[in-house]
Amino acid sequence: MEFKAFDPVATAKQQANEMILAAMGAAVADGQLPAEATPAFKIEIPADVKNGDFSANAAMVSARAFKMPPRKIAEVIAAHADCTGTLFDRVEVAGPGFLNLYLSHQWFEDVVTAAHQEGADWGRTEYGQGKKINVEYVSANPTGPMHLGNARGGALGDCLAEALCWAGYDVTREFYVNDAGNQIVKFGKSLATRYLQLYKGEEAVPFPEDGYQGEDIKQGARRFAEKYADSYLDKPFDELCQAITDMILPENIARLKTDLEKYRIHYDTWFLESTLHQNGDVRRVIDLLTEKGATYEKDGAIWYKAGEYSVKWGANKNPKKRGAEDASEDGPKDEVLVRANGIPTYFAADIAYHYNKFVTRGFDTAIDVWGADHGGHVARMKGAMDAIGLDGGKLDIVLMQLVKLMAGGVPVRMSKRTGKAITLVDLLDDVPIDSARFFFNLREPGSQMEFDLDLAVREDSDNPVYYVQYAHARICSILRSLAEDGVQPALVGDVDLSLLRDPAEIELVRHIGYFPGQIIQAAVAYDPARITRYVIDLATLFHKFYAACRVRGVEPALLQARLALCVATKITLANALTMLKVTVPDQM
């Protein structure tokens, strides 16, 4: 049997559904159930699999249509259920009418075989059917270094993109570079002022009140001075601003790429906001909104009717800004698209950017990972997609909560090295990349998290990433030790997997079988933390199995069966860690 793109849980659920429907049809044929349409029912994995590997509520939801007690309906279905040729042994009735379905051992044997056959592809499915998805994450402002929020967003977005790939979607990873607009003007003025201060002194050249104060601005000014000396001192300020921006901004963007690559993040696309202005996309989107009656003029500016189009998506009063410019005490705010001076706003470019994703590049879904402080912008952007004739439901926003760094049980806010707020680079100087990527995916995006710096550097089982890596290394050690004794794992097709009957073995195989479905759930829920939780549980179950079931010293057939299970576990651990872009060690 071929197991390509195999999902053991989905396969079993499909068989269970077909078996129950066939049983109900047979019961109707012999007059034990009425010939009524069968309502949709659910097949789920119960909290305690001792009460069945799967549970169905078919009888419960059919009670009204059949005008029969659920328990009676369930007994009729169970009596007519034919498990022949399926992955199930039996069907039992429980409680007020639940159907409990018990897997045959064949399902467990198929799981181990599938993991071996698929190897590095075990866990991949075709669930997404190749639909095109754009995942945009980090998109840090290129005017300064990346902060802790970018560190969490990077790990989260990258692992989400990977889960979507494994679930069968066609994924493009994207960084949106805000290289246009007010922040770039402010960036240029800040750099230019620091450049002038190098020669004239800080008192002689006042720094802009809203300028960027960071040490990186001073360093950029010094690099410009090293290249051009004092040749720009007497040139017009605007010319100086443009020249210093043209030099330092590309350097900053290149540094962003380098720092993110160190973090094991590689993008398919670095999309420049400036291209939207240069090719006329921003203007076209504004004109399109105007044609559709979604704008109006006020005080010399062009406004978008955000309040009208945001309501559908749950816009709240006075949402926090990712671009809003009008305050209203009575409801959702409208937005300026073009200022009175004729310059488009960031929000106008943002609409054009998402229009480009859907229309120009043809993505089926666009996923943006934003900080929670941008929550008020969600309804406005989704509403804007509706306003330009697209579907706001195809734009999904993952809102990510804040990170609190902890050391010694107390919050840490400043870098020991720089005395400034901790950046992504500072974090990676102090914490292994494996720990950073794993820890930032220990919690779902919408939950605030505490990042324990002390725990992240520990090399023991209290550190969850070390614990999981150790499980993989331990299996490798078992295989090496047996190889030294001349024992090699047999081909899985030659192994008697029916010997795997111990409860610890069954529990471990069952969890391995959940792997493809967990990836799909992580992709659908936009929650890669499901993968970290899954792989921690897998490591725990392996250690439990190894304590309960001897591998060495048992009769050869059982030894090979348990070796096959060890290898299947090793494959699953490796694939889960690979998805998270965490190192997969052979020894520790």
Protein backbone atom coordinates (compact mmCIF):
# COMPACT_ATOMS: atom_id res chain seq x y z
CA MET A 1 0.00 0.00 0.00
CA GLU A 2 1.23 3.49 -0.87
CA PHE A 3 1.09 6.08 1.91
CA LYS A 4 1.90 9.31 0.05
CA ALA A 5 0.26 12.34 1.71
CA PHE A 6 -1.33 9.93 4.18
CA ASP A 7 -3.36 11.26 7.12
CA PRO A 8 -4.21 8.27 9.34
CA VAL A 9 -6.82 10.15 11.39
CA ALA A 10 -8.62 11.64 8.37
CA THR A 11 -8.61 8.23 6.66
CA ALA A 12 -10.13 6.56 9.71
CA LYS A 13 -12.74 9.30 10.11
CA GLN A 14 -13.77 8.94 6.49
CA GLN A 15 -14.14 5.19 6.88
CA ALA A 16 -16.10 5.64 10.09
CA ASN A 17 -18.45 8.09 8.41
CA GLU A 18 -19.04 5.73 5.49
CA MET A 19 -19.55 2.77 7.82
CA ILE A 20 -22.13 4.60 9.96
CA LEU A 21 -24.02 5.83 6.90
CA ALA A 22 -24.02 2.30 5.45
CA ALA A 23 -25.29 0.91 8.77
CA MET A 24 -28.08 3.49 8.85
CA GLY A 25 -28.99 2.64 5.25
CA ALA A 26 -29.13 -1.07 6.10
CA ALA A 27 -31.31 -0.31 9.13
CA VAL A 28 -33.69 1.70 6.95
CA ALA A 29 -33.84 -1.16 4.45
CA ASP A 30 -34.98 -3.64 7.10
CA GLY A 31 -37.40 -1.18 8.66
CA GLN A 32 -35.58 -0.50 11.93
CA LEU A 33 -34.97 3.18 11.12
CA PRO A 34 -37.31 5.53 9.25
CA ALA A 35 -36.42 6.69 5.74
CA GLU A 36 -35.54 10.22 6.79
CA ALA A 37 -32.60 12.39 5.75
CA THR A 38 -29.65 11.87 8.07
CA PRO A 39 -28.50 15.11 9.74
CA ALA A 40 -24.80 15.96 9.58
CA PHE A 41 -22.91 14.34 12.45
CA LYS A 42 -19.42 14.63 13.92
CA ILE A 43 -16.73 12.03 14.40
CA GLU A 44 -14.16 13.08 16.97
CA ILE A 45 -11.31 11.72 19.04
CA PRO A 46 -12.58 11.49 22.64
CA ALA A 47 -10.60 12.90 25.55
CA ASP A 48 -10.12 9.37 26.88
CA VAL A 49 -9.47 6.85 24.09
CA LYS A 50 -10.18 4.01 26.51
CA ASN A 51 -13.80 4.76 25.62
CA GLY A 52 -13.12 4.33 21.92
CA ASP A 53 -10.58 5.66 19.46
CA PHE A 54 -13.32 7.74 17.82
CA SER A 55 -16.75 8.82 18.94
CA ALA A 56 -19.75 9.73 16.73
CA ASN A 57 -22.88 11.66 17.64
CA ALA A 58 -24.92 10.35 14.69
CA ALA A 59 -27.67 8.95 16.90
CA MET A 60 -27.87 12.07 19.04
CA VAL A 61 -28.41 14.45 16.11
CA SER A 62 -30.87 12.08 14.41
CA ALA A 63 -33.28 11.78 17.35
CA ARG A 64 -35.63 14.54 16.24
CA ALA A 65 -35.70 13.52 12.57
CA PHE A 66 -36.21 9.84 13.39
CA LYS A 67 -38.56 10.51 16.33
CA MET A 68 -36.70 7.89 18.34
CA PRO A 69 -34.57 7.96 21.53
CA PRO A 70 -30.87 8.47 20.71
CA ARG A 71 -29.86 5.36 22.63
CA LYS A 72 -32.21 3.20 20.56
CA ILE A 73 -30.94 4.71 17.30
CA ALA A 74 -27.35 4.06 18.39
CA GLU A 75 -28.10 0.43 19.22
CA VAL A 76 -29.66 -0.08 15.78
CA ILE A 77 -26.66 1.53 14.05
CA ALA A 78 -24.17 -0.54 16.06
CA ALA A 79 -26.07 -3.74 15.27
CA HIS A 80 -25.88 -3.02 11.53
CA ALA A 81 -22.30 -1.73 11.47
CA ASP A 82 -20.04 -3.96 9.37
CA CYS A 83 -16.34 -3.49 10.17
CA THR A 84 -15.21 -5.91 7.47
CA GLY A 85 -12.52 -4.36 5.29
CA THR A 86 -12.27 -1.23 7.47
CA LEU A 87 -9.72 0.02 9.99
CA PHE A 88 -12.14 -0.71 12.84
CA ASP A 89 -12.70 -3.74 15.06
CA ARG A 90 -16.03 -2.89 16.59
CA VAL A 91 -18.66 -0.26 17.35
CA GLU A 92 -20.19 0.09 20.81
CA VAL A 93 -22.93 2.24 22.31
CA ALA A 94 -22.24 4.44 25.32
CA GLY A 95 -24.22 6.78 27.54
CA PRO A 96 -27.34 8.37 26.07
CA GLY A 97 -26.46 7.29 22.54
CA PHE A 98 -22.85 7.90 21.57
CA LEU A 99 -21.22 5.53 19.10
CA ASN A 100 -17.72 4.52 20.16
CA LEU A 101 -15.52 3.11 17.41
CA TYR A 102 -12.42 1.03 18.16
CA LEU A 103 -9.53 0.86 15.71
CA SER A 104 -8.14 -2.45 14.55
CA HIS A 105 -4.44 -3.09 14.95
CA GLN A 106 -4.05 -2.56 11.18
CA TRP A 107 -4.37 1.19 11.68
CA PHE A 108 -1.41 1.19 14.06
CA GLU A 109 0.66 -0.94 11.71
CA ASP A 110 -0.17 1.43 8.84
CA VAL A 111 1.05 4.42 10.86
CA VAL A 112 4.49 2.91 11.47
CA THR A 113 4.74 1.76 7.85
CA ALA A 114 3.70 5.18 6.52
CA ALA A 115 6.32 6.99 8.62
CA HIS A 116 9.02 4.68 7.25
CA GLN A 117 7.86 4.91 3.65
CA GLU A 118 7.44 8.66 3.64
CA GLY A 119 10.57 9.45 5.63
CA ALA A 120 11.37 13.16 5.37
CA ASP A 121 7.92 13.75 3.83
CA TRP A 122 6.00 12.02 6.62
CA GLY A 123 3.38 14.49 7.82
CA ARG A 124 2.89 16.21 4.47
CA THR A 125 -0.63 16.12 3.03
CA GLU A 126 -2.53 17.61 0.11
CA TYR A 127 -5.15 19.23 2.33
CA GLY A 128 -4.51 22.73 0.93
CA GLN A 129 -4.85 21.56 -2.70
CA GLY A 130 -2.11 23.92 -3.83
CA LYS A 131 -4.03 27.10 -3.05
CA LYS A 132 -1.79 30.17 -3.18
CA ILE A 133 -1.18 31.82 0.20
CA ASN A 134 0.93 34.87 0.93
CA VAL A 135 2.32 35.06 4.47
CA GLU A 136 3.73 38.45 5.40
CA TYR A 137 5.56 38.71 8.70
CA VAL A 138 8.08 40.86 10.58
CA SER A 139 8.05 43.72 7.99
CA ALA A 140 10.07 45.76 10.46
CA ASN A 141 10.54 49.45 9.81
CA PRO A 142 13.91 49.75 7.99
CA THR A 143 14.71 52.93 9.89
CA GLY A 144 15.97 51.02 12.93
CA PRO A 145 16.85 47.64 14.46
CA MET A 146 14.34 44.83 14.98
CA HIS A 147 12.79 44.52 18.43
CA LEU A 148 11.47 41.62 20.51
CA GLY A 149 8.07 41.74 18.84
CA ASN A 150 9.83 41.11 15.53
CA ALA A 151 11.64 38.16 17.14
CA ARG A 152 8.34 36.54 18.09
CA GLY A 153 6.65 37.51 14.84
CA GLY A 154 9.54 36.08 12.83
CA ALA A 155 9.45 32.69 14.52
CA LEU A 156 5.67 32.58 14.46
CA GLY A 157 5.26 33.67 10.85
CA ASP A 158 8.03 31.43 9.56
CA CYS A 159 6.71 28.32 11.31
CA LEU A 160 3.16 29.11 10.22
CA ALA A 161 4.34 29.38 6.62
CA GLU A 162 6.10 26.03 6.98
CA ALA A 163 3.01 24.36 8.46
CA LEU A 164 0.96 25.67 5.54
CA CYS A 165 3.52 24.24 3.10
CA TRP A 166 3.37 20.83 4.78
CA ALA A 167 -0.43 20.99 4.70
CA GLY A 168 -0.37 21.27 0.92
CA TYR A 169 -0.61 25.00 0.26
CA ASP A 170 1.53 26.96 -2.20
CA VAL A 171 3.12 29.47 0.16
CA THR A 172 5.03 32.68 -0.50
CA ARG A 173 6.92 34.19 2.44
CA GLU A 174 7.06 37.97 2.20
CA PHE A 175 8.67 40.97 3.90
CA TYR A 176 7.00 44.32 3.19
CA VAL A 177 9.64 47.06 3.24
CA ASN A 178 8.22 50.45 4.27
CA ASP A 179 10.74 52.41 2.22
CA ALA A 180 8.40 55.33 1.46
CA GLY A 181 6.27 57.82 3.32
CA ASN A 182 6.67 59.98 6.41
CA GLN A 183 8.92 57.60 8.33
CA ILE A 184 11.50 57.69 5.53
CA VAL A 185 11.34 61.49 5.39
CA LYS A 186 11.87 61.56 9.17
CA PHE A 187 14.69 59.02 8.80
CA GLY A 188 16.48 61.19 6.25
CA LYS A 189 16.12 64.35 8.37
CA SER A 190 17.42 62.53 11.45
CA LEU A 191 20.48 61.21 9.59
CA ALA A 192 21.16 64.54 7.94
CA THR A 193 20.97 66.40 11.24
CA ARG A 194 23.40 63.98 12.90
CA TYR A 195 25.74 64.38 9.93
CA LEU A 196 25.72 68.17 10.29
CA GLN A 197 26.21 67.89 14.05
CA LEU A 198 29.42 65.94 13.46
CA TYR A 199 30.93 69.10 11.98
CA LYS A 200 29.00 71.92 13.61
CA GLY A 201 28.15 70.54 17.03
CA GLU A 202 24.82 69.47 18.52
CA GLU A 203 24.02 72.94 19.88
CA ALA A 204 24.45 74.55 16.48
CA VAL A 205 22.11 72.11 14.69
CA PRO A 206 18.91 71.38 16.64
CA PHE A 207 17.66 67.82 16.33
CA PRO A 208 14.06 67.38 15.07
CA GLU A 209 11.62 66.85 17.94
CA ASP A 210 10.12 63.83 16.23
CA GLY A 211 13.45 62.52 14.90
CA TYR A 212 14.84 59.03 15.43
CA GLN A 213 17.11 59.13 18.46
CA GLY A 214 18.83 55.76 18.21
CA GLU A 215 22.56 55.14 18.21
CA ASP A 216 22.10 53.50 14.80
CA ILE A 217 21.23 56.94 13.37
CA LYS A 218 24.49 58.39 14.66
CA GLN A 219 26.41 55.44 13.26
CA GLY A 220 24.75 55.89 9.87
CA ALA A 221 25.69 59.57 9.84
CA ARG A 222 29.30 58.68 10.66
CA ARG A 223 29.44 56.13 7.81
CA PHE A 224 28.13 58.78 5.42
CA ALA A 225 30.77 61.22 6.68
CA GLU A 226 33.51 58.62 6.23
CA LYS A 227 32.54 58.30 2.58
CA TYR A 228 31.74 61.92 1.68
CA ALA A 229 33.60 63.87 4.39
CA ASP A 230 32.29 67.47 4.57
CA SER A 231 31.25 67.68 0.91
CA TYR A 232 27.55 67.95 1.81
CA LEU A 233 27.90 70.65 4.46
CA ASP A 234 26.98 73.50 2.15
CA LYS A 235 24.47 71.69 -0.02
CA PRO A 236 20.70 72.20 0.35
CA PHE A 237 19.28 70.26 3.31
CA ASP A 238 16.81 68.37 1.11
CA GLU A 239 19.66 67.24 -1.15
CA LEU A 240 21.62 66.05 1.89
CA CYS A 241 18.55 64.18 3.22
CA GLN A 242 18.07 62.40 -0.08
CA ALA A 243 21.73 61.48 -0.48
CA ILE A 244 22.14 60.13 3.04
CA THR A 245 18.85 58.20 2.79
CA ASP A 246 19.93 56.69 -0.53
CA MET A 247 23.08 55.38 1.13
CA ILE A 248 21.91 54.30 4.59
CA LEU A 249 18.47 52.87 3.83
CA PRO A 250 19.77 50.08 1.54
CA GLU A 251 22.39 49.29 4.19
CA ASN A 252 19.65 48.96 6.79
CA ILE A 253 17.58 46.72 4.55
CA ALA A 254 20.62 44.54 3.87
CA ARG A 255 21.20 44.32 7.63
CA LEU A 256 17.60 43.26 8.15
CA LYS A 257 18.14 40.44 5.65
CA THR A 258 21.37 39.35 7.33
CA ASP A 259 19.88 39.36 10.83
CA LEU A 260 16.80 37.44 9.72
CA GLU A 261 18.90 34.88 7.85
CA LYS A 262 20.85 34.35 11.07
CA TYR A 263 17.46 33.65 12.62
CA ARG A 264 16.93 31.06 9.82
CA ILE A 265 14.29 33.14 8.07
CA HIS A 266 14.55 33.31 4.30
CA TYR A 267 11.90 35.20 2.33
CA ASP A 268 10.69 34.49 -1.16
CA THR A 269 9.86 38.16 -1.72
CA TRP A 270 11.12 41.47 -0.34
CA PHE A 271 8.36 43.80 -1.51
CA LEU A 272 9.23 47.53 -1.57
CA GLU A 273 6.44 49.95 -0.70
CA SER A 274 8.11 52.51 -2.99
CA THR A 275 7.24 50.40 -6.06
CA LEU A 276 3.54 50.98 -5.36
CA HIS A 277 4.07 54.74 -5.69
CA GLN A 278 6.42 54.48 -8.65
CA ASN A 279 4.19 52.25 -10.79
CA GLY A 280 1.02 54.16 -10.01
CA ASP A 281 -0.71 51.43 -7.99
CA VAL A 282 -1.49 53.76 -5.09
CA ARG A 283 -3.11 56.28 -7.40
CA ARG A 284 -5.08 53.57 -9.20
CA VAL A 285 -6.50 52.19 -5.95
CA ILE A 286 -7.54 55.67 -4.80
CA ASP A 287 -9.27 56.22 -8.14
CA LEU A 288 -10.96 52.82 -7.85
CA LEU A 289 -12.29 53.63 -4.40
CA THR A 290 -13.57 56.95 -5.69
CA GLU A 291 -15.30 55.26 -8.64
CA LYS A 292 -17.07 52.93 -6.22
CA GLY A 293 -18.28 55.82 -4.08
CA ALA A 294 -16.10 54.89 -1.12
CA THR A 295 -14.39 58.30 -0.77
CA TYR A 296 -15.25 61.92 -0.18
CA GLU A 297 -13.37 65.24 0.01
CA LYS A 298 -13.02 67.25 3.20
CA ASP A 299 -10.65 70.09 4.13
CA GLY A 300 -8.78 69.60 0.85
CA ALA A 301 -8.04 65.91 1.56
CA ILE A 302 -9.51 62.71 0.12
CA TRP A 303 -11.10 60.49 2.74
CA TYR A 304 -12.06 56.80 2.68
CA LYS A 305 -15.38 55.83 4.28
CA ALA A 306 -13.75 53.40 6.69
CA GLY A 307 -16.59 53.68 9.18
CA GLU A 308 -19.07 52.43 6.60
CA TYR A 309 -17.06 49.48 5.34
CA SER A 310 -15.42 48.42 8.64
CA VAL A 311 -18.61 47.64 10.53
CA LYS A 312 -19.01 44.25 8.86
CA TRP A 313 -15.66 43.18 10.28
CA GLY A 314 -16.33 44.31 13.84
CA ALA A 315 -14.69 47.73 13.88
CA ASN A 316 -14.75 49.19 17.38
CA LYS A 317 -14.78 52.74 18.65
CA ASN A 318 -11.56 54.68 18.33
CA PRO A 319 -9.38 51.70 17.40
CA LYS A 320 -5.64 52.00 17.83
CA LYS A 321 -3.85 53.18 14.79
CA ARG A 322 -1.87 51.52 12.09
CA GLY A 323 -2.67 54.53 9.95
CA ALA A 324 -5.86 56.20 11.21
CA GLU A 325 -5.84 59.99 11.09
CA ASP A 326 -9.33 61.03 12.15
CA ALA A 327 -10.72 60.70 15.68
CA SER A 328 -14.40 60.13 16.26
CA GLU A 329 -16.08 59.67 19.62
CA ASP A 330 -19.20 58.19 18.05
CA GLY A 331 -17.95 55.23 16.06
CA PRO A 332 -15.37 53.80 13.67
CA LYS A 333 -13.11 56.38 12.09
CA ASP A 334 -12.85 57.34 8.46
CA GLU A 335 -9.38 57.50 6.97
CA VAL A 336 -7.40 60.06 5.01
CA LEU A 337 -6.17 58.58 1.72
CA VAL A 338 -4.58 61.71 0.26
CA ARG A 339 -3.53 64.62 2.46
CA ALA A 340 -4.37 68.20 1.57
CA ASN A 341 -0.80 68.57 0.25
CA GLY A 342 -1.51 65.82 -2.30
CA ILE A 343 0.66 63.17 -0.65
CA PRO A 344 -0.99 59.72 -0.19
CA THR A 345 -1.03 58.28 3.31
CA TYR A 346 0.42 55.02 4.54
CA PHE A 347 -3.10 53.59 4.62
CA ALA A 348 -3.56 54.27 0.89
CA ALA A 349 -0.32 52.41 0.17
CA ASP A 350 -1.44 49.58 2.45
CA ILE A 351 -4.65 49.14 0.44
CA ALA A 352 -2.66 49.18 -2.80
CA TYR A 353 -0.26 46.61 -1.37
CA HIS A 354 -3.04 44.16 -0.54
CA TYR A 355 -4.77 44.83 -3.87
CA ASN A 356 -1.46 43.85 -5.47
CA LYS A 357 -1.46 40.57 -3.53
CA PHE A 358 -4.93 39.55 -4.61
CA VAL A 359 -5.30 41.04 -8.09
CA THR A 360 -1.81 41.45 -9.53
CA ARG A 361 -0.28 38.31 -8.05
CA GLY A 362 -3.40 36.21 -7.63
CA PHE A 363 -3.13 34.90 -4.09
CA ASP A 364 -6.17 33.04 -2.79
CA THR A 365 -5.47 34.13 0.79
CA ALA A 366 -3.20 36.74 2.34
CA ILE A 367 -2.07 36.30 5.95
CA ASP A 368 -0.46 39.22 7.79
CA VAL A 369 1.21 38.76 11.17
CA TRP A 370 0.84 42.00 13.16
CA GLY A 371 1.46 43.12 16.68
CA ALA A 372 -1.65 43.34 18.86
CA ASP A 373 -1.30 47.14 18.93
CA HIS A 374 -2.46 47.10 15.30
CA GLY A 375 -5.70 45.34 16.20
CA GLY A 376 -7.85 48.36 15.36
CA HIS A 377 -6.54 48.31 11.81
CA VAL A 378 -7.86 44.82 11.05
CA ALA A 379 -11.47 45.75 10.32
CA ARG A 380 -10.40 48.80 8.30
CA MET A 381 -8.15 46.76 6.02
CA LYS A 382 -10.66 43.95 5.55
CA GLY A 383 -13.36 46.55 4.86
CA ALA A 384 -11.10 48.26 2.34
CA MET A 385 -10.79 44.99 0.43
CA ASP A 386 -14.59 44.87 0.21
CA ALA A 387 -14.69 48.52 -0.85
CA ILE A 388 -12.44 47.91 -3.87
CA GLY A 389 -14.51 44.92 -4.98
CA LEU A 390 -12.51 42.11 -3.38
CA ASP A 391 -13.37 39.84 -0.47
CA GLY A 392 -12.17 41.03 2.93
CA GLY A 393 -12.62 37.48 4.17
CA LYS A 394 -9.60 36.41 2.14
CA LEU A 395 -7.36 38.72 4.18
CA ASP A 396 -6.51 37.12 7.52
CA ILE A 397 -4.67 38.93 10.28
CA VAL A 398 -2.80 37.06 13.01
CA LEU A 399 -2.52 39.40 15.99
CA MET A 400 0.46 38.67 18.18
CA GLN A 401 0.67 39.68 21.83
CA LEU A 402 3.64 41.15 23.61
CA VAL A 403 6.68 39.31 24.92
CA LYS A 404 8.06 39.81 28.41
CA LEU A 405 11.68 38.78 28.89
CA MET A 406 12.39 37.24 32.28
CA ALA A 407 15.66 36.43 34.05
CA GLY A 408 15.95 35.35 37.64
CA GLY A 409 12.20 35.69 37.94
CA VAL A 410 12.14 39.41 37.15
CA PRO A 411 11.49 41.30 33.89
CA VAL A 412 14.47 42.31 31.75
CA ARG A 413 14.08 45.39 29.56
CA MET A 414 17.57 46.52 28.72
CA SER A 415 20.50 44.87 27.01
CA LYS A 416 23.56 44.46 29.24
CA ARG A 417 25.75 45.13 26.23
CA THR A 418 24.13 48.30 24.94
CA GLY A 419 22.03 49.55 27.83
CA LYS A 420 19.19 50.01 25.33
CA ALA A 421 15.96 48.13 24.67
CA ILE A 422 16.71 44.53 23.72
CA THR A 423 16.73 43.89 19.98
CA LEU A 424 16.54 40.68 17.97
CA VAL A 425 20.33 40.74 17.58
CA ASP A 426 20.82 41.17 21.34
CA LEU A 427 18.54 38.20 22.00
CA LEU A 428 20.35 35.92 19.55
CA ASP A 429 23.67 36.90 21.09
CA ASP A 430 22.45 35.55 24.45
CA VAL A 431 20.09 32.73 23.52
CA PRO A 432 20.57 29.76 21.16
CA ILE A 433 18.57 30.14 17.94
CA ASP A 434 16.97 26.75 18.57
CA SER A 435 15.60 27.98 21.88
CA ALA A 436 14.44 31.31 20.47
CA ARG A 437 12.47 29.75 17.62
CA PHE A 438 11.02 27.00 19.79
CA PHE A 439 10.12 29.21 22.77
CA PHE A 440 8.38 31.85 20.64
CA ASN A 441 6.11 29.09 19.34
CA LEU A 442 5.23 27.60 22.72
CA ARG A 443 2.10 29.76 23.00
CA GLU A 444 -0.64 30.61 20.53
CA PRO A 445 -0.14 34.05 18.92
CA GLY A 446 -2.96 35.74 20.83
CA SER A 447 -1.54 34.97 24.27
CA GLN A 448 1.00 37.10 26.05
CA MET A 449 4.14 35.18 26.82
CA GLU A 450 7.05 35.28 29.20
CA PHE A 451 10.36 34.30 27.64
CA ASP A 452 12.55 32.77 30.36
CA LEU A 453 16.14 33.62 29.44
CA ASP A 454 17.53 31.33 32.14
CA LEU A 455 15.52 28.35 30.92
CA ALA A 456 16.34 29.03 27.27
CA VAL A 457 20.07 28.45 27.83
CA ARG A 458 19.77 25.41 30.09
CA GLU A 459 20.93 22.07 28.74
CA ASP A 460 18.65 19.72 30.62
CA SER A 461 15.15 18.27 30.37
CA ASP A 462 13.57 21.37 31.93
CA ASN A 463 14.32 23.20 28.67
CA PRO A 464 11.58 21.96 26.30
CA VAL A 465 13.63 22.22 23.11
CA TYR A 466 16.53 20.35 24.72
CA TYR A 467 14.05 17.73 25.96
CA VAL A 468 12.74 17.12 22.45
CA GLN A 469 16.18 17.15 20.83
CA TYR A 470 17.40 14.68 23.44
CA ALA A 471 14.64 12.24 22.51
CA HIS A 472 15.89 12.25 18.91
CA ALA A 473 19.53 11.93 19.98
CA ARG A 474 18.59 9.07 22.31
CA ILE A 475 17.03 7.09 19.47
CA CYS A 476 20.14 7.68 17.36
CA SER A 477 22.23 6.38 20.26
CA ILE A 478 20.08 3.23 20.49
CA LEU A 479 20.53 2.60 16.77
CA ARG A 480 24.30 3.15 16.97
CA SER A 481 24.64 0.83 19.95
CA LEU A 482 22.72 -1.96 18.24
CA ALA A 483 24.68 -1.43 15.01
CA GLU A 484 27.90 -2.01 16.98
CA ASP A 485 26.42 -5.38 17.95
CA GLY A 486 25.63 -6.13 14.32
CA VAL A 487 21.90 -5.42 14.59
CA GLN A 488 20.38 -3.22 11.89
CA PRO A 489 16.72 -2.22 11.50
CA ALA A 490 14.99 -4.42 8.94
CA LEU A 491 12.93 -3.00 6.10
CA VAL A 492 9.55 -2.14 7.57
CA GLY A 493 7.79 -4.43 5.10
CA ASP A 494 9.70 -7.37 6.59
CA VAL A 495 8.81 -6.53 10.20
CA ASP A 496 5.94 -8.10 12.13
CA LEU A 497 4.34 -4.94 13.46
CA SER A 498 1.46 -6.92 14.95
CA LEU A 499 3.80 -7.60 17.90
CA LEU A 500 3.47 -3.99 19.06
CA ARG A 501 0.77 -4.56 21.69
CA ASP A 502 2.09 -3.02 24.89
CA PRO A 503 -0.01 0.00 26.02
CA ALA A 504 3.09 2.23 25.87
CA GLU A 505 3.72 1.11 22.29
CA ILE A 506 0.11 1.67 21.26
CA GLU A 507 0.06 5.12 22.86
CA LEU A 508 3.24 6.14 21.05
CA VAL A 509 2.06 4.86 17.67
CA ARG A 510 -1.28 6.59 18.11
CA HIS A 511 0.47 9.92 18.71
CA ILE A 512 2.69 9.43 15.65
CA GLY A 513 -0.50 8.88 13.67
CA TYR A 514 -1.82 12.24 14.81
CA PHE A 515 1.12 14.11 13.23
CA PRO A 516 -0.31 14.96 9.77
CA GLY A 517 -3.60 16.08 11.31
CA GLN A 518 -1.82 18.28 13.83
CA ILE A 519 0.02 20.01 11.00
CA ILE A 520 -3.27 20.65 9.22
CA GLN A 521 -4.81 22.02 12.42
CA ALA A 522 -1.80 24.30 12.95
CA ALA A 523 -2.18 25.58 9.38
CA VAL A 524 -5.95 26.08 9.56
CA ALA A 525 -5.90 27.72 13.01
CA TYR A 526 -2.79 29.81 12.18
CA ASP A 527 -1.24 28.42 15.36
CA PRO A 528 2.18 26.76 14.94
CA ALA A 529 2.31 26.30 18.73
CA ARG A 530 0.33 23.13 18.05
CA ILE A 531 3.50 21.66 16.55
CA THR A 532 5.69 22.48 19.56
CA ARG A 533 3.07 21.07 21.95
CA TYR A 534 2.74 17.97 19.77
CA VAL A 535 6.46 17.27 19.61
CA ILE A 536 6.92 17.76 23.38
CA ASP A 537 4.19 15.18 23.96
CA LEU A 538 5.83 12.88 21.41
CA ALA A 539 9.16 13.06 23.25
CA THR A 540 7.38 12.31 26.54
CA LEU A 541 5.63 9.28 25.07
CA PHE A 542 8.89 7.97 23.62
CA HIS A 543 10.66 8.22 26.97
CA LYS A 544 7.66 6.44 28.55
CA PHE A 545 7.83 3.69 25.92
CA TYR A 546 11.57 3.24 26.33
CA ALA A 547 11.19 2.89 30.11
CA ALA A 548 8.39 0.32 29.73
CA CYS A 549 9.57 -1.74 26.75
CA ARG A 550 13.01 -3.23 26.36
CA VAL A 551 14.53 -3.03 22.89
CA ARG A 552 17.79 -4.86 23.47
CA GLY A 553 17.63 -8.39 24.81
CA VAL A 554 14.21 -9.41 23.51
CA GLU A 555 13.52 -12.02 20.87
CA PRO A 556 14.53 -10.91 17.34
CA ALA A 557 11.05 -10.38 15.88
CA LEU A 558 9.97 -8.15 18.78
CA LEU A 559 13.30 -6.33 18.70
CA GLN A 560 12.76 -5.47 15.02
CA ALA A 561 9.18 -4.34 15.69
CA ARG A 562 10.35 -2.04 18.47
CA LEU A 563 13.23 -0.80 16.34
CA ALA A 564 10.72 0.06 13.62
CA LEU A 565 8.74 2.04 16.18
CA CYS A 566 11.90 3.83 17.32
CA VAL A 567 12.72 4.77 13.72
CA ALA A 568 9.14 5.99 13.10
CA THR A 569 9.42 8.16 16.21
CA LYS A 570 12.82 9.46 15.10
CA ILE A 571 11.41 10.41 11.69
CA THR A 572 8.46 12.22 13.26
CA LEU A 573 10.63 14.11 15.76
CA ALA A 574 13.02 15.15 12.99
CA ASN A 575 10.23 16.34 10.69
CA ALA A 576 8.54 18.37 13.44
CA LEU A 577 11.83 20.04 14.42
CA THR A 578 12.62 20.67 10.76
CA MET A 579 9.28 22.45 10.38
CA LEU A 580 10.26 24.69 13.28
CA LYS A 581 13.76 25.12 11.76
CA VAL A 582 15.29 23.76 14.93
CA THR A 583 18.48 21.68 14.83
CA VAL A 584 17.97 17.90 14.78
CA PRO A 585 20.96 16.46 16.69
CA ASP A 586 22.20 12.87 16.38
CA GLN A 587 23.96 13.09 19.73
CA MET A 588 24.01 15.41 22.72
